[in-house]
Amino acid sequence: MKRLLLLCWLLSLLSIAVAKDVAGINLDERIERAEDGVTLELNGAGVREKFFFDIYVAALYLPQKSNQGSEIVQSEAAARVEMRMLYSKVEREKFVQGWNDGFSANLDERQLSQLAERLDQFNGWFETLTEGEVIELDYFPDRGTRVKIKGVEKGVIPGVDFFQALLKVWLGERPVTKSLKQDLLGR
């Protein structure tokens, strides 16, 4: 009986080290990308709320943890932003509006015009999503930002400038929500 209790205790400690629970979603503390063998650590995670509704859990994975938003945004290192849907249904149009608003809030006119064509391509890949579905936004330094929606690769947007602008949606001067920014920074 003592051995069984000890085993249960050890397994519970292991589960704490392996996953973090945010709004009922278990997030891996560490992931290894099969495509490039890069190991990324969970920097922080939180819930995107709008009008008191939980929309999605966002998780930021980096090679090394950091609580410095400007350093993260300026980095050219591998990274992932993962979004796990909590709301019953988010229409495609809401995603497009959100991306456009987030980019325009954090970029000047010149930066926005340089990214306009790539942002249109990015927006074109989005679709209506429902609770439990996942978006993965992976930055590969040699390729760009790979977009996966519901486990299906939609394509790659070239350029570190695009991924840096994307990160500003959550970590910029005018983030989608200040509380989510703090959560992603692990504060």
C-alpha atoms as a PDB file:
ATOM      1  CA  MET A   1       0.000   0.000   0.000  1.00  0.00           C
ATOM      2  CA  LYS A   2       2.853   2.420   0.826  1.00  0.00           C
ATOM      3  CA  ARG A   3       4.450   1.709  -2.536  1.00  0.00           C
ATOM      4  CA  LEU A   4       1.192   2.419  -4.339  1.00  0.00           C
ATOM      5  CA  LEU A   5       0.797   5.737  -2.515  1.00  0.00           C
ATOM      6  CA  LEU A   6       4.410   6.650  -3.272  1.00  0.00           C
ATOM      7  CA  LEU A   7       3.900   5.798  -6.943  1.00  0.00           C
ATOM      8  CA  CYS A   8       0.726   7.932  -7.088  1.00  0.00           C
ATOM      9  CA  TRP A   9       2.540  10.837  -5.434  1.00  0.00           C
ATOM     10  CA  LEU A  10       5.458  10.576  -7.887  1.00  0.00           C
ATOM     11  CA  LEU A  11       3.087  10.435 -10.853  1.00  0.00           C
ATOM     12  CA  SER A  12       1.261  13.534  -9.619  1.00  0.00           C
ATOM     13  CA  LEU A  13       4.588  15.400  -9.385  1.00  0.00           C
ATOM     14  CA  LEU A  14       5.468  14.288 -12.899  1.00  0.00           C
ATOM     15  CA  SER A  15       2.148  15.541 -14.251  1.00  0.00           C
ATOM     16  CA  ILE A  16       2.781  18.940 -12.659  1.00  0.00           C
ATOM     17  CA  ALA A  17       6.116  19.191 -14.458  1.00  0.00           C
ATOM     18  CA  VAL A  18       4.710  18.056 -17.802  1.00  0.00           C
ATOM     19  CA  ALA A  19       1.584  20.162 -18.166  1.00  0.00           C
ATOM     20  CA  LYS A  20       0.037  23.442 -17.099  1.00  0.00           C
ATOM     21  CA  ASP A  21      -3.714  23.825 -16.837  1.00  0.00           C
ATOM     22  CA  VAL A  22      -5.259  27.043 -18.157  1.00  0.00           C
ATOM     23  CA  ALA A  23      -9.064  27.226 -18.208  1.00  0.00           C
ATOM     24  CA  GLY A  24      -9.273  23.436 -18.259  1.00  0.00           C
ATOM     25  CA  ILE A  25      -6.787  23.113 -21.135  1.00  0.00           C
ATOM     26  CA  ASN A  26      -3.604  21.142 -20.431  1.00  0.00           C
ATOM     27  CA  LEU A  27      -0.599  22.768 -22.054  1.00  0.00           C
ATOM     28  CA  ASP A  28       2.760  21.071 -22.377  1.00  0.00           C
ATOM     29  CA  GLU A  29       5.506  22.835 -20.429  1.00  0.00           C
ATOM     30  CA  ARG A  30       7.949  21.891 -23.201  1.00  0.00           C
ATOM     31  CA  ILE A  31       7.496  20.871 -26.834  1.00  0.00           C
ATOM     32  CA  GLU A  32       9.911  19.548 -29.403  1.00  0.00           C
ATOM     33  CA  ARG A  33       9.076  20.381 -32.993  1.00  0.00           C
ATOM     34  CA  ALA A  34       9.538  17.363 -35.222  1.00  0.00           C
ATOM     35  CA  GLU A  35      10.297  19.510 -38.289  1.00  0.00           C
ATOM     36  CA  ASP A  36      13.464  21.088 -36.915  1.00  0.00           C
ATOM     37  CA  GLY A  37      14.107  19.332 -33.600  1.00  0.00           C
ATOM     38  CA  VAL A  38      13.916  22.637 -31.701  1.00  0.00           C
ATOM     39  CA  THR A  39      12.781  22.422 -28.091  1.00  0.00           C
ATOM     40  CA  LEU A  40      10.514  25.253 -26.965  1.00  0.00           C
ATOM     41  CA  GLU A  41       9.424  26.034 -23.408  1.00  0.00           C
ATOM     42  CA  LEU A  42       6.072  27.384 -22.331  1.00  0.00           C
ATOM     43  CA  ASN A  43       6.786  31.030 -21.597  1.00  0.00           C
ATOM     44  CA  GLY A  44       3.267  31.833 -20.488  1.00  0.00           C
ATOM     45  CA  ALA A  45      -0.384  31.230 -21.246  1.00  0.00           C
ATOM     46  CA  GLY A  46      -3.705  32.896 -20.605  1.00  0.00           C
ATOM     47  CA  VAL A  47      -7.269  33.345 -21.737  1.00  0.00           C
ATOM     48  CA  ARG A  48      -8.428  35.826 -24.364  1.00  0.00           C
ATOM     49  CA  GLU A  49     -11.659  37.268 -23.052  1.00  0.00           C
ATOM     50  CA  LYS A  50     -14.094  39.518 -24.845  1.00  0.00           C
ATOM     51  CA  PHE A  51     -17.230  40.907 -23.235  1.00  0.00           C
ATOM     52  CA  PHE A  52     -16.846  38.441 -20.345  1.00  0.00           C
ATOM     53  CA  PHE A  53     -16.696  35.430 -22.682  1.00  0.00           C
ATOM     54  CA  ASP A  54     -13.657  33.151 -22.809  1.00  0.00           C
ATOM     55  CA  ILE A  55     -12.657  33.002 -26.489  1.00  0.00           C
ATOM     56  CA  TYR A  56      -9.394  31.022 -26.540  1.00  0.00           C
ATOM     57  CA  VAL A  57      -6.362  29.977 -24.527  1.00  0.00           C
ATOM     58  CA  ALA A  58      -3.161  31.430 -25.971  1.00  0.00           C
ATOM     59  CA  ALA A  59       0.210  29.851 -25.188  1.00  0.00           C
ATOM     60  CA  LEU A  60       3.607  31.281 -26.091  1.00  0.00           C
ATOM     61  CA  TYR A  61       6.528  28.867 -26.538  1.00  0.00           C
ATOM     62  CA  LEU A  62      10.115  30.132 -26.773  1.00  0.00           C
ATOM     63  CA  PRO A  63      13.625  28.592 -26.723  1.00  0.00           C
ATOM     64  CA  GLN A  64      14.211  30.355 -23.383  1.00  0.00           C
ATOM     65  CA  LYS A  65      11.714  31.943 -21.037  1.00  0.00           C
ATOM     66  CA  SER A  66      11.569  35.728 -20.969  1.00  0.00           C
ATOM     67  CA  ASN A  67       9.304  38.317 -19.382  1.00  0.00           C
ATOM     68  CA  GLN A  68      10.533  41.108 -21.671  1.00  0.00           C
ATOM     69  CA  GLY A  69       7.915  41.713 -24.346  1.00  0.00           C
ATOM     70  CA  SER A  70      10.093  43.943 -26.523  1.00  0.00           C
ATOM     71  CA  GLU A  71      12.934  41.388 -26.520  1.00  0.00           C
ATOM     72  CA  ILE A  72      10.564  38.583 -27.478  1.00  0.00           C
ATOM     73  CA  VAL A  73       9.043  40.623 -30.301  1.00  0.00           C
ATOM     74  CA  GLN A  74      12.470  41.619 -31.668  1.00  0.00           C
ATOM     75  CA  SER A  75      13.895  38.103 -31.481  1.00  0.00           C
ATOM     76  CA  GLU A  76      14.541  36.104 -34.625  1.00  0.00           C
ATOM     77  CA  ALA A  77      14.547  32.769 -32.762  1.00  0.00           C
ATOM     78  CA  ALA A  78      12.160  29.864 -33.244  1.00  0.00           C
ATOM     79  CA  ALA A  79       8.818  30.257 -31.465  1.00  0.00           C
ATOM     80  CA  ARG A  80       5.205  29.105 -31.367  1.00  0.00           C
ATOM     81  CA  VAL A  81       1.918  30.736 -30.477  1.00  0.00           C
ATOM     82  CA  GLU A  82      -0.812  28.201 -29.900  1.00  0.00           C
ATOM     83  CA  MET A  83      -4.477  29.127 -29.673  1.00  0.00           C
ATOM     84  CA  ARG A  84      -7.001  26.619 -28.311  1.00  0.00           C
ATOM     85  CA  MET A  85     -10.595  27.607 -28.827  1.00  0.00           C
ATOM     86  CA  LEU A  86     -12.857  27.828 -25.773  1.00  0.00           C
ATOM     87  CA  TYR A  87     -15.863  29.585 -27.289  1.00  0.00           C
ATOM     88  CA  SER A  88     -18.526  27.498 -29.014  1.00  0.00           C
ATOM     89  CA  LYS A  89     -18.036  29.142 -32.425  1.00  0.00           C
ATOM     90  CA  VAL A  90     -15.833  31.958 -33.727  1.00  0.00           C
ATOM     91  CA  GLU A  91     -16.651  33.039 -37.262  1.00  0.00           C
ATOM     92  CA  ARG A  92     -13.907  33.493 -39.855  1.00  0.00           C
ATOM     93  CA  GLU A  93     -14.800  37.179 -40.176  1.00  0.00           C
ATOM     94  CA  LYS A  94     -14.073  37.731 -36.471  1.00  0.00           C
ATOM     95  CA  PHE A  95     -10.568  36.309 -36.902  1.00  0.00           C
ATOM     96  CA  VAL A  96      -9.877  38.502 -39.919  1.00  0.00           C
ATOM     97  CA  GLN A  97     -11.178  41.587 -38.114  1.00  0.00           C
ATOM     98  CA  GLY A  98      -9.097  40.707 -35.034  1.00  0.00           C
ATOM     99  CA  TRP A  99      -5.869  40.245 -37.005  1.00  0.00           C
ATOM    100  CA  ASN A 100      -6.422  43.450 -38.960  1.00  0.00           C
ATOM    101  CA  ASP A 101      -7.195  45.412 -35.789  1.00  0.00           C
ATOM    102  CA  GLY A 102      -4.212  43.933 -33.929  1.00  0.00           C
ATOM    103  CA  PHE A 103      -1.766  44.679 -36.736  1.00  0.00           C
ATOM    104  CA  SER A 104      -3.030  48.220 -37.345  1.00  0.00           C
ATOM    105  CA  ALA A 105      -3.001  49.030 -33.606  1.00  0.00           C
ATOM    106  CA  ASN A 106       0.675  48.092 -33.280  1.00  0.00           C
ATOM    107  CA  LEU A 107       2.232  49.086 -36.613  1.00  0.00           C
ATOM    108  CA  ASP A 108       2.710  52.404 -38.367  1.00  0.00           C
ATOM    109  CA  GLU A 109       1.395  52.974 -41.900  1.00  0.00           C
ATOM    110  CA  ARG A 110       4.709  52.072 -43.565  1.00  0.00           C
ATOM    111  CA  GLN A 111       5.057  48.794 -41.641  1.00  0.00           C
ATOM    112  CA  LEU A 112       1.433  47.912 -42.294  1.00  0.00           C
ATOM    113  CA  SER A 113       1.744  48.542 -46.034  1.00  0.00           C
ATOM    114  CA  GLN A 114       4.880  46.348 -46.193  1.00  0.00           C
ATOM    115  CA  LEU A 115       2.926  43.500 -44.618  1.00  0.00           C
ATOM    116  CA  ALA A 116      -0.458  44.069 -46.309  1.00  0.00           C
ATOM    117  CA  GLU A 117      -0.146  41.388 -48.990  1.00  0.00           C
ATOM    118  CA  ARG A 118       1.141  38.785 -46.518  1.00  0.00           C
ATOM    119  CA  LEU A 119      -1.547  39.709 -43.983  1.00  0.00           C
ATOM    120  CA  ASP A 120      -4.205  39.207 -46.688  1.00  0.00           C
ATOM    121  CA  GLN A 121      -2.749  35.774 -47.455  1.00  0.00           C
ATOM    122  CA  PHE A 122      -2.682  34.921 -43.725  1.00  0.00           C
ATOM    123  CA  ASN A 123      -6.291  36.075 -43.273  1.00  0.00           C
ATOM    124  CA  GLY A 124      -7.353  34.004 -46.261  1.00  0.00           C
ATOM    125  CA  TRP A 125      -6.385  30.790 -44.497  1.00  0.00           C
ATOM    126  CA  PHE A 126      -8.704  31.325 -41.546  1.00  0.00           C
ATOM    127  CA  GLU A 127     -12.042  29.639 -41.175  1.00  0.00           C
ATOM    128  CA  THR A 128     -14.802  29.402 -38.607  1.00  0.00           C
ATOM    129  CA  LEU A 129     -13.568  27.488 -35.571  1.00  0.00           C
ATOM    130  CA  THR A 130     -15.382  25.782 -32.723  1.00  0.00           C
ATOM    131  CA  GLU A 131     -14.565  24.827 -29.157  1.00  0.00           C
ATOM    132  CA  GLY A 132     -11.574  22.500 -28.865  1.00  0.00           C
ATOM    133  CA  GLU A 133     -10.029  23.346 -32.234  1.00  0.00           C
ATOM    134  CA  VAL A 134      -6.417  24.530 -32.365  1.00  0.00           C
ATOM    135  CA  ILE A 135      -4.375  27.114 -34.279  1.00  0.00           C
ATOM    136  CA  GLU A 136      -0.575  26.744 -34.315  1.00  0.00           C
ATOM    137  CA  LEU A 137       1.555  29.669 -35.473  1.00  0.00           C
ATOM    138  CA  ASP A 138       5.149  28.429 -35.687  1.00  0.00           C
ATOM    139  CA  TYR A 139       8.072  30.641 -36.573  1.00  0.00           C
ATOM    140  CA  PHE A 140      10.974  28.876 -38.339  1.00  0.00           C
ATOM    141  CA  PRO A 141      13.968  31.221 -38.794  1.00  0.00           C
ATOM    142  CA  ASP A 142      14.817  29.750 -42.196  1.00  0.00           C
ATOM    143  CA  ARG A 143      11.237  29.588 -43.539  1.00  0.00           C
ATOM    144  CA  GLY A 144       8.850  32.025 -41.892  1.00  0.00           C
ATOM    145  CA  THR A 145       5.550  31.623 -40.059  1.00  0.00           C
ATOM    146  CA  ARG A 146       3.829  28.298 -40.616  1.00  0.00           C
ATOM    147  CA  VAL A 147       0.083  28.364 -40.036  1.00  0.00           C
ATOM    148  CA  LYS A 148      -1.714  25.196 -38.960  1.00  0.00           C
ATOM    149  CA  ILE A 149      -5.446  25.210 -38.321  1.00  0.00           C
ATOM    150  CA  LYS A 150      -7.148  22.094 -36.943  1.00  0.00           C
ATOM    151  CA  GLY A 151      -3.951  20.130 -37.623  1.00  0.00           C
ATOM    152  CA  VAL A 152      -3.857  21.096 -41.313  1.00  0.00           C
ATOM    153  CA  GLU A 153      -0.933  23.128 -42.611  1.00  0.00           C
ATOM    154  CA  LYS A 154      -2.312  26.104 -44.518  1.00  0.00           C
ATOM    155  CA  GLY A 155       1.023  27.541 -45.636  1.00  0.00           C
ATOM    156  CA  VAL A 156       4.024  29.618 -44.642  1.00  0.00           C
ATOM    157  CA  ILE A 157       4.238  33.414 -44.527  1.00  0.00           C
ATOM    158  CA  PRO A 158       7.858  34.466 -45.232  1.00  0.00           C
ATOM    159  CA  GLY A 159       9.821  37.017 -43.231  1.00  0.00           C
ATOM    160  CA  VAL A 160      10.717  37.556 -39.613  1.00  0.00           C
ATOM    161  CA  ASP A 161       8.972  40.937 -39.836  1.00  0.00           C
ATOM    162  CA  PHE A 162       5.621  39.194 -40.242  1.00  0.00           C
ATOM    163  CA  PHE A 163       6.073  37.014 -37.155  1.00  0.00           C
ATOM    164  CA  GLN A 164       7.309  39.981 -35.124  1.00  0.00           C
ATOM    165  CA  ALA A 165       4.210  41.950 -36.153  1.00  0.00           C
ATOM    166  CA  LEU A 166       2.033  38.963 -35.277  1.00  0.00           C
ATOM    167  CA  LEU A 167       3.560  38.792 -31.796  1.00  0.00           C
ATOM    168  CA  LYS A 168       2.721  42.471 -31.311  1.00  0.00           C
ATOM    169  CA  VAL A 169      -0.979  41.560 -31.443  1.00  0.00           C
ATOM    170  CA  TRP A 170      -0.457  40.048 -27.959  1.00  0.00           C
ATOM    171  CA  LEU A 171       2.798  41.649 -26.777  1.00  0.00           C
ATOM    172  CA  GLY A 172       2.880  45.063 -28.448  1.00  0.00           C
ATOM    173  CA  GLU A 173       2.217  48.522 -27.027  1.00  0.00           C
ATOM    174  CA  ARG A 174      -1.502  48.050 -27.722  1.00  0.00           C
ATOM    175  CA  PRO A 175      -2.100  44.326 -27.091  1.00  0.00           C
ATOM    176  CA  VAL A 176      -5.419  42.616 -27.626  1.00  0.00           C
ATOM    177  CA  THR A 177      -5.737  42.631 -23.808  1.00  0.00           C
ATOM    178  CA  LYS A 178      -3.231  43.733 -21.187  1.00  0.00           C
ATOM    179  CA  SER A 179      -3.989  40.787 -18.908  1.00  0.00           C
ATOM    180  CA  LEU A 180      -3.274  38.270 -21.682  1.00  0.00           C
ATOM    181  CA  LYS A 181      -0.015  40.067 -22.442  1.00  0.00           C
ATOM    182  CA  GLN A 182       1.023  39.696 -18.803  1.00  0.00           C
ATOM    183  CA  ASP A 183       0.053  36.015 -18.826  1.00  0.00           C
ATOM    184  CA  LEU A 184       2.060  35.303 -21.994  1.00  0.00           C
ATOM    185  CA  LEU A 185       5.055  37.031 -20.428  1.00  0.00           C
ATOM    186  CA  GLY A 186       4.740  34.662 -17.455  1.00  0.00           C
ATOM    187  CA  ARG A 187       4.055  37.476 -14.992  1.00  0.00           C
END
